[in-house]
Amino acid sequence: MVSERPLRPQARKRALAWLFASRPATLPAAVVPVLVGTAVAVSDGYFRLGPFIGALVASLLIQVGTNYANDYFDHQKGADTAERLGPIRLIQSGLVPPRQVLLATILCFGAAAAVGVYLVWVGGWPILAIGVLSILSGLAYTGGPYPLGYHGLGDIFVFAFFGLVAVTGTYYLHAGTVSTLAWWASVPVGLLVTAILVVNNVRDISTDRAAGKRTLAVRIGRRATRVQYALLLGVAYLVPLGLYVAGLSSGWFWLPWLTAPLAVRAVLGVMSYEDGPMLNRMLKATGRLHLLFGVLFAASLLL
């Protein structure tokens, strides 16, 4: 028993490293689209419990798998160095070898595919196409011959897959079709999840540039990226009003605006801070904002 004691702190460190590498602050990006897509479906008279649970589980698995894949491929490409300002990475920490991270990536995507078999049985070939493209895009974000994140395409990928595709795909699982409201409801979801990526990229501009990772933030610079962040949040808050004016939502459209003070603080923080620890706080704050906005937005569509 005595010989096991020195191993316990190391085991705890590894467990925490796995947790941090899953990037809990980004997990609302997987939850909110399913909630909003389901809320739109319920408002139109559709709901299926099994597909809702399946979509939520698959979405979370793809998000965690993408995070682990980023850990692995960024290490392989030399983007994770001692100068990196972000949260701990599994391989960078030295606690977990690359092979184990790659295995965890494969297991996450494999589990998502297993859940996807049921979702394809429910929704047919459109869901198969969405699932395959989502997994391939998660891998291609930092891996493959033309990694999206390294060529300034990460923002478009995140907006499309964690906004448009995820919300409308969830709606389709419930209804077997996609409504106009589902498309428009996906826009603020995509904008806010893209804002999470923007904070991450503005924090890493210097180290990404040195590693040859040409994110959009590296391409347009720190000031323009901060303006991009403010615009993403601003437009997201205008969409509920637009839906109400267009007669697509009820008088409860203002519910997501209750999070406006959090958005203002987040914008001021991203505009003001340059050091890694403070921008990491803004990353978490943006994740919380995305979750709270999404929950209230979903509620406004149900009322």
C-alpha atoms as a PDB file:
ATOM      1  CA  MET A   1       0.000   0.000   0.000  1.00  0.00           C
ATOM      2  CA  VAL A   2       2.859   2.368   0.792  1.00  0.00           C
ATOM      3  CA  SER A   3       4.284   2.028  -2.695  1.00  0.00           C
ATOM      4  CA  GLU A   4       0.998   3.238  -4.214  1.00  0.00           C
ATOM      5  CA  ARG A   5       0.938   6.583  -2.415  1.00  0.00           C
ATOM      6  CA  PRO A   6       3.439   8.415  -4.628  1.00  0.00           C
ATOM      7  CA  LEU A   7       1.365   7.421  -7.660  1.00  0.00           C
ATOM      8  CA  ARG A   8      -1.811   9.061  -6.414  1.00  0.00           C
ATOM      9  CA  PRO A   9      -0.830  12.719  -6.971  1.00  0.00           C
ATOM     10  CA  GLN A  10       0.372  11.816 -10.472  1.00  0.00           C
ATOM     11  CA  ALA A  11      -2.890   9.980 -11.181  1.00  0.00           C
ATOM     12  CA  ARG A  12      -4.870  13.005 -10.016  1.00  0.00           C
ATOM     13  CA  LYS A  13      -2.799  15.234 -12.274  1.00  0.00           C
ATOM     14  CA  ARG A  14      -3.513  12.974 -15.244  1.00  0.00           C
ATOM     15  CA  ALA A  15      -7.226  12.919 -14.453  1.00  0.00           C
ATOM     16  CA  LEU A  16      -7.306  16.709 -14.233  1.00  0.00           C
ATOM     17  CA  ALA A  17      -5.307  16.960 -17.442  1.00  0.00           C
ATOM     18  CA  TRP A  18      -7.890  14.818 -19.260  1.00  0.00           C
ATOM     19  CA  LEU A  19     -10.675  16.983 -17.827  1.00  0.00           C
ATOM     20  CA  PHE A  20      -9.035  20.274 -18.804  1.00  0.00           C
ATOM     21  CA  ALA A  21      -8.169  18.928 -22.249  1.00  0.00           C
ATOM     22  CA  SER A  22     -11.852  18.194 -22.851  1.00  0.00           C
ATOM     23  CA  ARG A  23     -12.274  21.971 -22.442  1.00  0.00           C
ATOM     24  CA  PRO A  24     -15.415  22.147 -20.311  1.00  0.00           C
ATOM     25  CA  ALA A  25     -15.815  25.838 -21.202  1.00  0.00           C
ATOM     26  CA  THR A  26     -16.512  24.818 -24.816  1.00  0.00           C
ATOM     27  CA  LEU A  27     -19.079  22.103 -24.052  1.00  0.00           C
ATOM     28  CA  PRO A  28     -22.061  24.488 -24.201  1.00  0.00           C
ATOM     29  CA  ALA A  29     -21.246  24.601 -27.913  1.00  0.00           C
ATOM     30  CA  ALA A  30     -22.512  21.013 -28.069  1.00  0.00           C
ATOM     31  CA  VAL A  31     -25.508  21.412 -25.753  1.00  0.00           C
ATOM     32  CA  VAL A  32     -27.099  24.681 -26.878  1.00  0.00           C
ATOM     33  CA  PRO A  33     -27.767  23.753 -30.537  1.00  0.00           C
ATOM     34  CA  VAL A  34     -29.655  20.637 -29.449  1.00  0.00           C
ATOM     35  CA  LEU A  35     -31.714  22.617 -26.930  1.00  0.00           C
ATOM     36  CA  VAL A  36     -32.592  25.345 -29.423  1.00  0.00           C
ATOM     37  CA  GLY A  37     -33.352  22.927 -32.263  1.00  0.00           C
ATOM     38  CA  THR A  38     -35.584  20.921 -29.937  1.00  0.00           C
ATOM     39  CA  ALA A  39     -37.345  24.048 -28.659  1.00  0.00           C
ATOM     40  CA  VAL A  40     -38.208  25.108 -32.217  1.00  0.00           C
ATOM     41  CA  ALA A  41     -39.509  21.597 -32.927  1.00  0.00           C
ATOM     42  CA  VAL A  42     -41.660  21.567 -29.784  1.00  0.00           C
ATOM     43  CA  SER A  43     -43.078  24.991 -30.695  1.00  0.00           C
ATOM     44  CA  ASP A  44     -44.122  23.471 -34.033  1.00  0.00           C
ATOM     45  CA  GLY A  45     -45.721  20.465 -32.342  1.00  0.00           C
ATOM     46  CA  TYR A  46     -42.909  17.898 -32.705  1.00  0.00           C
ATOM     47  CA  PHE A  47     -40.876  16.103 -30.051  1.00  0.00           C
ATOM     48  CA  ARG A  48     -39.119  12.723 -29.858  1.00  0.00           C
ATOM     49  CA  LEU A  49     -37.327  11.885 -26.614  1.00  0.00           C
ATOM     50  CA  GLY A  50     -34.954   9.262 -28.033  1.00  0.00           C
ATOM     51  CA  PRO A  51     -33.578  11.464 -30.834  1.00  0.00           C
ATOM     52  CA  PHE A  52     -33.228  14.356 -28.378  1.00  0.00           C
ATOM     53  CA  ILE A  53     -31.061  12.299 -26.021  1.00  0.00           C
ATOM     54  CA  GLY A  54     -29.149  10.728 -28.891  1.00  0.00           C
ATOM     55  CA  ALA A  55     -28.429  14.083 -30.527  1.00  0.00           C
ATOM     56  CA  LEU A  56     -27.232  15.530 -27.211  1.00  0.00           C
ATOM     57  CA  VAL A  57     -24.903  12.603 -26.480  1.00  0.00           C
ATOM     58  CA  ALA A  58     -23.511  12.491 -30.021  1.00  0.00           C
ATOM     59  CA  SER A  59     -22.952  16.250 -30.039  1.00  0.00           C
ATOM     60  CA  LEU A  60     -21.027  16.142 -26.750  1.00  0.00           C
ATOM     61  CA  LEU A  61     -18.901  13.227 -27.947  1.00  0.00           C
ATOM     62  CA  ILE A  62     -18.026  15.013 -31.191  1.00  0.00           C
ATOM     63  CA  GLN A  63     -17.120  18.182 -29.268  1.00  0.00           C
ATOM     64  CA  VAL A  64     -14.839  16.345 -26.820  1.00  0.00           C
ATOM     65  CA  GLY A  65     -13.364  14.282 -29.657  1.00  0.00           C
ATOM     66  CA  THR A  66     -12.612  17.461 -31.596  1.00  0.00           C
ATOM     67  CA  ASN A  67     -10.912  18.964 -28.544  1.00  0.00           C
ATOM     68  CA  TYR A  68      -8.725  15.880 -28.093  1.00  0.00           C
ATOM     69  CA  ALA A  69      -7.966  15.851 -31.825  1.00  0.00           C
ATOM     70  CA  ASN A  70      -6.858  19.485 -31.600  1.00  0.00           C
ATOM     71  CA  ASP A  71      -4.577  18.558 -28.701  1.00  0.00           C
ATOM     72  CA  TYR A  72      -2.990  15.768 -30.729  1.00  0.00           C
ATOM     73  CA  PHE A  73      -2.638  17.505 -34.101  1.00  0.00           C
ATOM     74  CA  ASP A  74      -1.500  20.847 -32.651  1.00  0.00           C
ATOM     75  CA  HIS A  75       1.266  18.943 -30.859  1.00  0.00           C
ATOM     76  CA  GLN A  76       2.197  17.131 -34.055  1.00  0.00           C
ATOM     77  CA  LYS A  77       2.406  20.427 -35.935  1.00  0.00           C
ATOM     78  CA  GLY A  78       4.393  22.201 -33.203  1.00  0.00           C
ATOM     79  CA  ALA A  79       1.671  24.691 -32.276  1.00  0.00           C
ATOM     80  CA  ASP A  80       1.736  23.726 -28.573  1.00  0.00           C
ATOM     81  CA  THR A  81       4.896  25.138 -27.051  1.00  0.00           C
ATOM     82  CA  ALA A  82       5.974  26.227 -23.592  1.00  0.00           C
ATOM     83  CA  GLU A  83       4.861  29.766 -24.541  1.00  0.00           C
ATOM     84  CA  ARG A  84       1.233  28.732 -25.055  1.00  0.00           C
ATOM     85  CA  LEU A  85      -1.150  30.830 -22.931  1.00  0.00           C
ATOM     86  CA  GLY A  86      -4.236  28.619 -23.002  1.00  0.00           C
ATOM     87  CA  PRO A  87      -5.481  25.930 -20.626  1.00  0.00           C
ATOM     88  CA  ILE A  88      -3.365  22.827 -20.092  1.00  0.00           C
ATOM     89  CA  ARG A  89      -2.986  20.424 -23.001  1.00  0.00           C
ATOM     90  CA  LEU A  90      -2.617  16.689 -22.427  1.00  0.00           C
ATOM     91  CA  ILE A  91       0.521  16.153 -24.478  1.00  0.00           C
ATOM     92  CA  GLN A  92       2.055  19.519 -23.701  1.00  0.00           C
ATOM     93  CA  SER A  93       1.767  18.764 -19.981  1.00  0.00           C
ATOM     94  CA  GLY A  94       3.861  15.614 -20.392  1.00  0.00           C
ATOM     95  CA  LEU A  95       1.320  13.622 -18.392  1.00  0.00           C
ATOM     96  CA  VAL A  96      -0.184  11.706 -21.327  1.00  0.00           C
ATOM     97  CA  PRO A  97       1.672  10.375 -24.386  1.00  0.00           C
ATOM     98  CA  PRO A  98       0.416  11.345 -27.877  1.00  0.00           C
ATOM     99  CA  ARG A  99      -0.708   7.810 -28.683  1.00  0.00           C
ATOM    100  CA  GLN A 100      -3.181   7.804 -25.797  1.00  0.00           C
ATOM    101  CA  VAL A 101      -4.627  11.145 -26.882  1.00  0.00           C
ATOM    102  CA  LEU A 102      -5.072   9.827 -30.418  1.00  0.00           C
ATOM    103  CA  LEU A 103      -6.782   6.726 -28.996  1.00  0.00           C
ATOM    104  CA  ALA A 104      -9.121   8.898 -26.901  1.00  0.00           C
ATOM    105  CA  THR A 105      -9.959  10.898 -30.032  1.00  0.00           C
ATOM    106  CA  ILE A 106     -10.817   7.723 -31.936  1.00  0.00           C
ATOM    107  CA  LEU A 107     -12.916   6.396 -29.045  1.00  0.00           C
ATOM    108  CA  CYS A 108     -14.931   9.636 -28.781  1.00  0.00           C
ATOM    109  CA  PHE A 109     -15.667   9.759 -32.490  1.00  0.00           C
ATOM    110  CA  GLY A 110     -16.335   6.013 -32.527  1.00  0.00           C
ATOM    111  CA  ALA A 111     -18.846   6.342 -29.709  1.00  0.00           C
ATOM    112  CA  ALA A 112     -20.490   9.264 -31.524  1.00  0.00           C
ATOM    113  CA  ALA A 113     -20.745   7.105 -34.647  1.00  0.00           C
ATOM    114  CA  ALA A 114     -22.329   4.310 -32.604  1.00  0.00           C
ATOM    115  CA  VAL A 115     -24.998   6.693 -31.320  1.00  0.00           C
ATOM    116  CA  GLY A 116     -25.290   7.988 -34.858  1.00  0.00           C
ATOM    117  CA  VAL A 117     -26.437   4.564 -36.081  1.00  0.00           C
ATOM    118  CA  TYR A 118     -29.630   5.047 -34.085  1.00  0.00           C
ATOM    119  CA  LEU A 119     -30.001   8.649 -35.275  1.00  0.00           C
ATOM    120  CA  VAL A 120     -29.590   7.557 -38.894  1.00  0.00           C
ATOM    121  CA  TRP A 121     -32.273   4.911 -38.340  1.00  0.00           C
ATOM    122  CA  VAL A 122     -34.543   7.735 -37.143  1.00  0.00           C
ATOM    123  CA  GLY A 123     -33.622  10.444 -39.646  1.00  0.00           C
ATOM    124  CA  GLY A 124     -32.268   8.632 -42.694  1.00  0.00           C
ATOM    125  CA  TRP A 125     -29.518   9.699 -45.098  1.00  0.00           C
ATOM    126  CA  PRO A 126     -29.535  13.456 -44.222  1.00  0.00           C
ATOM    127  CA  ILE A 127     -28.494  12.567 -40.672  1.00  0.00           C
ATOM    128  CA  LEU A 128     -25.876  10.156 -42.005  1.00  0.00           C
ATOM    129  CA  ALA A 129     -24.420  12.956 -44.124  1.00  0.00           C
ATOM    130  CA  ILE A 130     -24.437  15.375 -41.181  1.00  0.00           C
ATOM    131  CA  GLY A 131     -22.784  12.849 -38.874  1.00  0.00           C
ATOM    132  CA  VAL A 132     -20.037  11.887 -41.309  1.00  0.00           C
ATOM    133  CA  LEU A 133     -19.273  15.495 -42.219  1.00  0.00           C
ATOM    134  CA  SER A 134     -19.263  16.542 -38.536  1.00  0.00           C
ATOM    135  CA  ILE A 135     -16.724  13.863 -37.583  1.00  0.00           C
ATOM    136  CA  LEU A 136     -14.546  14.518 -40.641  1.00  0.00           C
ATOM    137  CA  SER A 137     -14.638  18.255 -39.978  1.00  0.00           C
ATOM    138  CA  GLY A 138     -13.750  17.710 -36.326  1.00  0.00           C
ATOM    139  CA  LEU A 139     -10.651  15.831 -37.465  1.00  0.00           C
ATOM    140  CA  ALA A 140      -9.907  18.251 -40.289  1.00  0.00           C
ATOM    141  CA  TYR A 141     -10.004  21.281 -38.003  1.00  0.00           C
ATOM    142  CA  THR A 142      -6.356  20.754 -37.056  1.00  0.00           C
ATOM    143  CA  GLY A 143      -5.526  17.487 -38.837  1.00  0.00           C
ATOM    144  CA  GLY A 144      -5.274  16.210 -42.362  1.00  0.00           C
ATOM    145  CA  PRO A 145      -3.524  17.651 -45.427  1.00  0.00           C
ATOM    146  CA  TYR A 146      -5.403  20.974 -45.235  1.00  0.00           C
ATOM    147  CA  PRO A 147      -6.312  21.706 -41.590  1.00  0.00           C
ATOM    148  CA  LEU A 148      -9.138  24.233 -41.493  1.00  0.00           C
ATOM    149  CA  GLY A 149      -7.939  26.012 -38.370  1.00  0.00           C
ATOM    150  CA  TYR A 150      -4.491  26.542 -39.874  1.00  0.00           C
ATOM    151  CA  HIS A 151      -5.895  28.269 -42.967  1.00  0.00           C
ATOM    152  CA  GLY A 152      -8.297  30.778 -41.427  1.00  0.00           C
ATOM    153  CA  LEU A 153     -11.406  28.651 -42.009  1.00  0.00           C
ATOM    154  CA  GLY A 154     -12.091  27.670 -38.397  1.00  0.00           C
ATOM    155  CA  ASP A 155     -14.625  30.435 -37.826  1.00  0.00           C
ATOM    156  CA  ILE A 156     -16.706  29.387 -40.835  1.00  0.00           C
ATOM    157  CA  PHE A 157     -16.504  25.715 -39.823  1.00  0.00           C
ATOM    158  CA  VAL A 158     -17.662  26.418 -36.265  1.00  0.00           C
ATOM    159  CA  PHE A 159     -20.514  28.709 -37.343  1.00  0.00           C
ATOM    160  CA  ALA A 160     -21.730  26.180 -39.899  1.00  0.00           C
ATOM    161  CA  PHE A 161     -21.476  22.951 -37.905  1.00  0.00           C
ATOM    162  CA  PHE A 162     -22.154  24.129 -34.345  1.00  0.00           C
ATOM    163  CA  GLY A 163     -24.818  26.591 -35.465  1.00  0.00           C
ATOM    164  CA  LEU A 164     -26.639  25.996 -38.739  1.00  0.00           C
ATOM    165  CA  VAL A 165     -26.117  22.251 -39.080  1.00  0.00           C
ATOM    166  CA  ALA A 166     -26.524  21.311 -35.412  1.00  0.00           C
ATOM    167  CA  VAL A 167     -29.745  23.272 -34.840  1.00  0.00           C
ATOM    168  CA  THR A 168     -31.461  22.362 -38.106  1.00  0.00           C
ATOM    169  CA  GLY A 169     -30.233  18.758 -37.846  1.00  0.00           C
ATOM    170  CA  THR A 170     -31.774  18.453 -34.386  1.00  0.00           C
ATOM    171  CA  TYR A 171     -35.036  19.925 -35.665  1.00  0.00           C
ATOM    172  CA  TYR A 172     -35.012  17.451 -38.559  1.00  0.00           C
ATOM    173  CA  LEU A 173     -34.694  14.517 -36.169  1.00  0.00           C
ATOM    174  CA  HIS A 174     -37.905  15.607 -34.472  1.00  0.00           C
ATOM    175  CA  ALA A 175     -39.928  16.773 -37.469  1.00  0.00           C
ATOM    176  CA  GLY A 176     -38.505  15.100 -40.575  1.00  0.00           C
ATOM    177  CA  THR A 177     -38.214  18.501 -42.236  1.00  0.00           C
ATOM    178  CA  VAL A 178     -36.638  21.913 -41.535  1.00  0.00           C
ATOM    179  CA  SER A 179     -38.646  25.081 -40.960  1.00  0.00           C
ATOM    180  CA  THR A 180     -37.750  28.693 -41.658  1.00  0.00           C
ATOM    181  CA  LEU A 181     -37.686  29.402 -37.922  1.00  0.00           C
ATOM    182  CA  ALA A 182     -35.191  26.560 -37.382  1.00  0.00           C
ATOM    183  CA  TRP A 183     -32.803  28.110 -39.896  1.00  0.00           C
ATOM    184  CA  TRP A 184     -33.038  31.563 -38.342  1.00  0.00           C
ATOM    185  CA  ALA A 185     -32.814  30.224 -34.776  1.00  0.00           C
ATOM    186  CA  SER A 186     -29.523  28.576 -35.710  1.00  0.00           C
ATOM    187  CA  VAL A 187     -27.912  31.937 -36.528  1.00  0.00           C
ATOM    188  CA  PRO A 188     -27.423  33.379 -32.996  1.00  0.00           C
ATOM    189  CA  VAL A 189     -26.346  29.935 -31.779  1.00  0.00           C
ATOM    190  CA  GLY A 190     -23.659  29.819 -34.460  1.00  0.00           C
ATOM    191  CA  LEU A 191     -22.568  33.400 -33.851  1.00  0.00           C
ATOM    192  CA  LEU A 192     -22.063  32.907 -30.123  1.00  0.00           C
ATOM    193  CA  VAL A 193     -20.229  29.612 -30.459  1.00  0.00           C
ATOM    194  CA  THR A 194     -17.947  31.278 -33.005  1.00  0.00           C
ATOM    195  CA  ALA A 195     -17.287  33.965 -30.410  1.00  0.00           C
ATOM    196  CA  ILE A 196     -15.874  31.244 -28.122  1.00  0.00           C
ATOM    197  CA  LEU A 197     -13.383  30.335 -30.844  1.00  0.00           C
ATOM    198  CA  VAL A 198     -12.525  33.994 -31.412  1.00  0.00           C
ATOM    199  CA  VAL A 199     -11.486  34.472 -27.772  1.00  0.00           C
ATOM    200  CA  ASN A 200      -9.313  31.387 -28.024  1.00  0.00           C
ATOM    201  CA  ASN A 201      -7.696  32.660 -31.225  1.00  0.00           C
ATOM    202  CA  VAL A 202      -7.112  36.233 -30.091  1.00  0.00           C
ATOM    203  CA  ARG A 203      -5.345  34.866 -27.012  1.00  0.00           C
ATOM    204  CA  ASP A 204      -3.099  32.649 -29.142  1.00  0.00           C
ATOM    205  CA  ILE A 205      -2.240  35.092 -31.943  1.00  0.00           C
ATOM    206  CA  SER A 206       1.453  35.327 -31.072  1.00  0.00           C
ATOM    207  CA  THR A 207       2.083  31.618 -30.547  1.00  0.00           C
ATOM    208  CA  ASP A 208      -0.079  30.607 -33.521  1.00  0.00           C
ATOM    209  CA  ARG A 209       1.769  33.008 -35.801  1.00  0.00           C
ATOM    210  CA  ALA A 210       5.121  31.633 -34.632  1.00  0.00           C
ATOM    211  CA  ALA A 211       3.917  28.066 -35.303  1.00  0.00           C
ATOM    212  CA  GLY A 212       2.597  28.887 -38.763  1.00  0.00           C
ATOM    213  CA  LYS A 213      -1.035  28.464 -37.693  1.00  0.00           C
ATOM    214  CA  ARG A 214      -2.799  31.067 -39.828  1.00  0.00           C
ATOM    215  CA  THR A 215      -6.098  31.433 -37.993  1.00  0.00           C
ATOM    216  CA  LEU A 216      -8.404  34.243 -39.041  1.00  0.00           C
ATOM    217  CA  ALA A 217      -7.211  36.154 -35.965  1.00  0.00           C
ATOM    218  CA  VAL A 218      -3.600  35.849 -37.139  1.00  0.00           C
ATOM    219  CA  ARG A 219      -4.614  37.024 -40.614  1.00  0.00           C
ATOM    220  CA  ILE A 220      -6.637  40.100 -39.622  1.00  0.00           C
ATOM    221  CA  GLY A 221      -4.814  41.050 -36.414  1.00  0.00           C
ATOM    222  CA  ARG A 222      -5.745  41.591 -32.786  1.00  0.00           C
ATOM    223  CA  ARG A 223      -7.768  44.789 -33.174  1.00  0.00           C
ATOM    224  CA  ALA A 224      -9.953  43.507 -36.010  1.00  0.00           C
ATOM    225  CA  THR A 225     -10.496  40.222 -34.174  1.00  0.00           C
ATOM    226  CA  ARG A 226     -11.763  42.094 -31.136  1.00  0.00           C
ATOM    227  CA  VAL A 227     -14.187  43.996 -33.366  1.00  0.00           C
ATOM    228  CA  GLN A 228     -15.252  40.664 -34.860  1.00  0.00           C
ATOM    229  CA  TYR A 229     -16.021  39.385 -31.351  1.00  0.00           C
ATOM    230  CA  ALA A 230     -18.192  42.423 -30.563  1.00  0.00           C
ATOM    231  CA  LEU A 231     -20.055  42.098 -33.869  1.00  0.00           C
ATOM    232  CA  LEU A 232     -20.748  38.396 -33.318  1.00  0.00           C
ATOM    233  CA  LEU A 233     -22.356  39.134 -29.963  1.00  0.00           C
ATOM    234  CA  GLY A 234     -24.205  42.221 -31.203  1.00  0.00           C
ATOM    235  CA  VAL A 235     -25.826  40.485 -34.174  1.00  0.00           C
ATOM    236  CA  ALA A 236     -26.754  37.484 -32.015  1.00  0.00           C
ATOM    237  CA  TYR A 237     -28.808  39.786 -29.783  1.00  0.00           C
ATOM    238  CA  LEU A 238     -30.577  41.363 -32.767  1.00  0.00           C
ATOM    239  CA  VAL A 239     -31.860  38.062 -34.171  1.00  0.00           C
ATOM    240  CA  PRO A 240     -34.572  37.472 -31.506  1.00  0.00           C
ATOM    241  CA  LEU A 241     -35.965  40.925 -32.230  1.00  0.00           C
ATOM    242  CA  GLY A 242     -35.911  40.216 -35.947  1.00  0.00           C
ATOM    243  CA  LEU A 243     -37.812  36.964 -35.403  1.00  0.00           C
ATOM    244  CA  TYR A 244     -40.468  38.813 -33.410  1.00  0.00           C
ATOM    245  CA  VAL A 245     -40.844  41.560 -36.009  1.00  0.00           C
ATOM    246  CA  ALA A 246     -41.166  38.886 -38.705  1.00  0.00           C
ATOM    247  CA  GLY A 247     -43.912  37.169 -36.710  1.00  0.00           C
ATOM    248  CA  LEU A 248     -41.866  34.023 -36.140  1.00  0.00           C
ATOM    249  CA  SER A 249     -41.674  34.234 -32.333  1.00  0.00           C
ATOM    250  CA  SER A 250     -43.790  35.392 -29.412  1.00  0.00           C
ATOM    251  CA  GLY A 251     -43.677  38.421 -27.163  1.00  0.00           C
ATOM    252  CA  TRP A 252     -41.142  36.573 -25.006  1.00  0.00           C
ATOM    253  CA  PHE A 253     -38.433  37.262 -27.601  1.00  0.00           C
ATOM    254  CA  TRP A 254     -36.643  39.523 -25.106  1.00  0.00           C
ATOM    255  CA  LEU A 255     -35.757  36.705 -22.698  1.00  0.00           C
ATOM    256  CA  PRO A 256     -32.204  36.197 -24.108  1.00  0.00           C
ATOM    257  CA  TRP A 257     -31.592  39.920 -23.592  1.00  0.00           C
ATOM    258  CA  LEU A 258     -31.477  39.254 -19.845  1.00  0.00           C
ATOM    259  CA  THR A 259     -27.906  38.096 -20.490  1.00  0.00           C
ATOM    260  CA  ALA A 260     -26.930  41.450 -22.061  1.00  0.00           C
ATOM    261  CA  PRO A 261     -24.924  42.621 -18.987  1.00  0.00           C
ATOM    262  CA  LEU A 262     -22.798  39.477 -19.270  1.00  0.00           C
ATOM    263  CA  ALA A 263     -22.254  40.191 -22.968  1.00  0.00           C
ATOM    264  CA  VAL A 264     -21.190  43.779 -22.285  1.00  0.00           C
ATOM    265  CA  ARG A 265     -18.692  42.648 -19.666  1.00  0.00           C
ATOM    266  CA  ALA A 266     -17.348  39.981 -22.018  1.00  0.00           C
ATOM    267  CA  VAL A 267     -16.865  42.477 -24.854  1.00  0.00           C
ATOM    268  CA  LEU A 268     -15.126  44.955 -22.558  1.00  0.00           C
ATOM    269  CA  GLY A 269     -12.890  42.176 -21.245  1.00  0.00           C
ATOM    270  CA  VAL A 270     -11.883  40.911 -24.689  1.00  0.00           C
ATOM    271  CA  MET A 271     -11.265  44.502 -25.814  1.00  0.00           C
ATOM    272  CA  SER A 272      -9.111  45.283 -22.773  1.00  0.00           C
ATOM    273  CA  TYR A 273      -7.126  42.169 -21.836  1.00  0.00           C
ATOM    274  CA  GLU A 274      -4.094  40.760 -23.601  1.00  0.00           C
ATOM    275  CA  ASP A 275      -2.590  38.370 -21.036  1.00  0.00           C
ATOM    276  CA  GLY A 276      -3.415  34.691 -21.198  1.00  0.00           C
ATOM    277  CA  PRO A 277      -5.008  34.178 -17.747  1.00  0.00           C
ATOM    278  CA  MET A 278      -7.473  37.028 -18.202  1.00  0.00           C
ATOM    279  CA  LEU A 279      -8.412  35.926 -21.718  1.00  0.00           C
ATOM    280  CA  ASN A 280      -8.892  32.410 -20.379  1.00  0.00           C
ATOM    281  CA  ARG A 281     -11.435  33.943 -18.011  1.00  0.00           C
ATOM    282  CA  MET A 282     -13.115  35.610 -20.980  1.00  0.00           C
ATOM    283  CA  LEU A 283     -13.172  32.242 -22.744  1.00  0.00           C
ATOM    284  CA  LYS A 284     -15.074  30.724 -19.818  1.00  0.00           C
ATOM    285  CA  ALA A 285     -17.318  33.799 -19.615  1.00  0.00           C
ATOM    286  CA  THR A 286     -18.192  33.483 -23.303  1.00  0.00           C
ATOM    287  CA  GLY A 287     -19.001  29.800 -22.839  1.00  0.00           C
ATOM    288  CA  ARG A 288     -21.327  30.669 -19.950  1.00  0.00           C
ATOM    289  CA  LEU A 289     -22.912  33.444 -21.997  1.00  0.00           C
ATOM    290  CA  HIS A 290     -23.506  31.055 -24.878  1.00  0.00           C
ATOM    291  CA  LEU A 291     -25.186  28.559 -22.539  1.00  0.00           C
ATOM    292  CA  LEU A 292     -27.376  31.105 -20.709  1.00  0.00           C
ATOM    293  CA  PHE A 293     -28.365  32.896 -23.912  1.00  0.00           C
ATOM    294  CA  GLY A 294     -29.172  29.554 -25.527  1.00  0.00           C
ATOM    295  CA  VAL A 295     -31.329  28.342 -22.638  1.00  0.00           C
ATOM    296  CA  LEU A 296     -33.289  31.601 -22.508  1.00  0.00           C
ATOM    297  CA  PHE A 297     -33.563  31.727 -26.293  1.00  0.00           C
ATOM    298  CA  ALA A 298     -34.953  28.197 -26.290  1.00  0.00           C
ATOM    299  CA  ALA A 299     -37.405  29.158 -23.545  1.00  0.00           C
ATOM    300  CA  SER A 300     -38.554  32.198 -25.540  1.00  0.00           C
ATOM    301  CA  LEU A 301     -39.354  29.947 -28.496  1.00  0.00           C
ATOM    302  CA  LEU A 302     -41.448  27.654 -26.294  1.00  0.00           C
ATOM    303  CA  LEU A 303     -43.538  30.384 -24.662  1.00  0.00           C
END
